[in-house]
Protein backbone atom coordinates (compact mmCIF):
# COMPACT_ATOMS: atom_id res chain seq x y z
CA MET A 1 19.63 1.75 1.03
CA ILE A 2 16.41 2.20 3.02
CA LYS A 3 14.66 -1.03 4.08
CA TYR A 4 11.01 -0.71 3.09
CA PRO A 5 8.28 -2.98 4.43
CA ASP A 6 7.50 -5.90 2.12
CA LYS A 7 3.75 -5.68 2.61
CA TYR A 8 2.91 -5.38 -1.09
CA PHE A 9 3.79 -7.17 -4.28
CA VAL A 10 3.93 -4.93 -7.36
CA LEU A 11 4.27 -5.93 -11.00
CA LYS A 12 4.57 -3.43 -13.84
CA THR A 13 1.72 -3.71 -16.31
CA GLU A 14 4.05 -3.28 -19.28
CA ASP A 15 6.18 -6.22 -18.05
CA LEU A 16 3.09 -8.40 -17.71
CA ARG A 17 1.88 -7.51 -21.19
CA ALA A 18 5.31 -8.27 -22.62
CA CYS A 19 5.74 -11.72 -21.12
CA MET A 20 2.31 -13.23 -20.43
CA THR A 21 0.28 -15.45 -22.69
CA ASP A 22 -3.52 -15.22 -22.82
CA LYS A 23 -3.64 -18.28 -20.57
CA ASP A 24 -1.30 -16.57 -18.07
CA VAL A 25 -3.52 -13.48 -18.05
CA LYS A 26 -6.63 -15.57 -17.36
CA MET A 27 -4.83 -17.35 -14.52
CA LEU A 28 -3.65 -14.05 -13.03
CA PHE A 29 -7.15 -12.57 -13.13
CA ALA A 30 -8.56 -15.75 -11.54
CA LEU A 31 -6.09 -15.27 -8.66
CA ILE A 32 -6.93 -11.58 -8.36
CA ASP A 33 -10.65 -12.46 -8.30
CA LYS A 34 -9.98 -14.92 -5.48
CA VAL A 35 -8.28 -12.19 -3.42
CA VAL A 36 -11.14 -9.74 -4.15
CA LYS A 37 -13.72 -12.29 -2.93
CA TYR A 38 -11.65 -12.98 0.21
CA ARG A 39 -11.43 -9.25 1.00
CA LYS A 40 -15.20 -8.86 0.53
CA LEU A 41 -15.85 -11.77 2.92
CA LYS A 42 -13.63 -10.04 5.50
CA GLY A 43 -15.62 -6.80 5.09
CA LYS A 44 -12.68 -5.00 3.52
CA ASN A 45 -12.55 -2.75 0.49
CA PRO A 46 -12.16 -5.34 -2.29
CA VAL A 47 -9.73 -3.32 -4.39
CA ASN A 48 -7.52 -0.58 -2.97
CA ALA A 49 -5.46 1.96 -4.89
CA TYR A 50 -1.87 2.50 -3.82
CA LEU A 51 0.88 4.98 -4.45
CA VAL A 52 3.98 3.11 -5.56
CA LEU A 53 7.51 4.43 -5.16
CA ASN A 54 10.20 2.87 -7.32
CA ASP A 55 13.21 2.30 -5.07
CA GLU A 56 15.47 3.10 -8.02
CA ASP A 57 14.09 6.64 -8.30
CA PRO A 58 16.41 9.23 -6.71
CA LEU A 59 13.44 10.98 -5.05
CA THR A 60 12.22 7.87 -3.25
CA PRO A 61 14.30 8.34 -0.06
CA ILE A 62 13.04 11.93 0.22
CA VAL A 63 9.40 10.95 -0.31
CA TRP A 64 9.78 8.06 2.15
CA LYS A 65 11.23 10.39 4.80
CA LEU A 66 8.38 12.87 4.27
CA LEU A 67 5.85 10.07 4.76
CA GLU A 68 7.61 8.94 7.94
CA LEU A 69 7.62 12.50 9.30
CA TYR A 70 3.94 12.91 8.45
CA VAL A 71 2.97 9.66 10.19
CA ASP A 72 5.08 10.55 13.24
CA GLN A 73 3.50 14.01 13.52
CA ARG A 74 0.01 12.64 12.91
CA ASP A 75 0.50 10.09 15.70
CA LYS A 76 1.70 12.82 18.07
CA ILE A 77 -1.30 15.00 17.23
CA ASP A 78 -3.69 12.06 17.73
CA GLU A 79 -2.07 11.32 21.11
CA PHE A 80 -2.29 15.00 22.13
CA GLU A 81 -5.99 15.15 21.15
CA LYS A 82 -6.74 11.95 23.09
CA ASP A 83 -5.01 13.30 26.20
CA ARG A 84 -6.88 16.58 25.86
CA LEU A 85 -10.24 14.84 25.54
CA ASP A 86 -9.44 12.52 28.49
CA ARG A 87 -8.80 15.56 30.67
CA LEU A 88 -12.17 17.04 29.74
CA VAL A 89 -14.04 13.94 30.89
């Protein structure tokens, strides 16, 4: 199994709806609001959108590898462009 970074915490909306009381929902939104305010104070986008891959999906390892290859190639291109610009100066 691929070890993915644990940078994010994801909960399925349908699971939340199934198990949370109205009080729980209010508490959750109060916590989310706290994080949004913190991000605003730090000058960050208060609410980001993310693509989530379910590690139980058979396509996840393929998609993960494609993302790794893309990032690796993008970094190489960025490095090449920086070197090229440095030589022009």
